Amino acid sequence: MKIYYVCEYCDQVFNVSEAEGQEGAVELRGICDECALELGLKEIPFMQNQHYYN
């Protein structure tokens, strides 16, 4: 069975996983990382993806 995680705000699929069980697909609603950042529900990790060159 495929599980599709769909964002409640932008309606985009932000994750797909597979689980054992019956054939078919299931849609689960949630909030993607981008929307969570915009809504202030998630903080930007400090110093992640920042590169300094000398």
Protein backbone atom coordinates (compact mmCIF):
# COMPACT_ATOMS: atom_id res chain seq x y z
CA MET A 1 0.00 0.00 0.00
CA LYS A 2 1.32 3.46 -0.85
CA ILE A 3 0.82 6.28 1.63
CA TYR A 4 0.75 9.82 0.24
CA TYR A 5 1.26 12.72 2.64
CA VAL A 6 -0.53 15.81 1.31
CA CYS A 7 -0.08 19.32 2.74
CA GLU A 8 -3.26 20.86 4.14
CA TYR A 9 -2.27 24.32 2.93
CA CYS A 10 -0.61 23.97 -0.50
CA ASP A 11 -2.20 20.60 -1.44
CA GLN A 12 1.15 19.23 -2.66
CA VAL A 13 2.38 15.71 -1.94
CA PHE A 14 5.39 16.14 0.34
CA ASN A 15 6.18 12.51 1.17
CA VAL A 16 5.42 9.04 -0.18
CA SER A 17 6.02 5.81 1.69
CA GLU A 18 5.02 2.20 1.38
CA ALA A 19 3.55 -0.07 4.02
CA GLU A 20 2.58 -3.70 4.05
CA GLY A 21 -1.08 -4.33 3.69
CA GLN A 22 -3.79 -4.30 1.08
CA GLU A 23 -3.16 -3.02 -2.42
CA GLY A 24 -4.06 0.59 -2.98
CA ALA A 25 -3.22 4.05 -1.77
CA VAL A 26 -4.02 6.15 1.28
CA GLU A 27 -3.88 9.93 1.59
CA LEU A 28 -2.85 11.46 4.91
CA ARG A 29 -3.14 15.19 5.53
CA GLY A 30 -0.33 17.11 7.21
CA ILE A 31 1.82 20.21 6.78
CA CYS A 32 4.91 20.27 4.58
CA ASP A 33 8.16 21.82 5.82
CA GLU A 34 7.86 24.92 3.62
CA CYS A 35 4.35 25.76 4.85
CA ALA A 36 5.34 25.02 8.45
CA LEU A 37 8.21 27.53 8.14
CA GLU A 38 5.91 30.18 6.63
CA LEU A 39 3.31 29.67 9.35
CA GLY A 40 5.91 29.81 12.12
CA LEU A 41 5.23 26.24 13.20
CA LYS A 42 8.81 25.21 12.54
CA GLU A 43 12.05 27.09 13.09
CA ILE A 44 14.88 27.33 10.59
CA PRO A 45 17.74 25.18 11.90
CA PHE A 46 20.57 27.45 13.04
CA MET A 47 23.65 27.41 10.82
CA GLN A 48 22.29 24.67 8.55
CA ASN A 49 23.21 24.98 4.88
CA GLN A 50 25.36 28.03 5.49
CA HIS A 51 28.83 27.90 4.00
CA TYR A 52 31.56 30.42 4.61
CA TYR A 53 34.54 30.69 2.32
CA ASN A 54 37.73 32.58 2.96
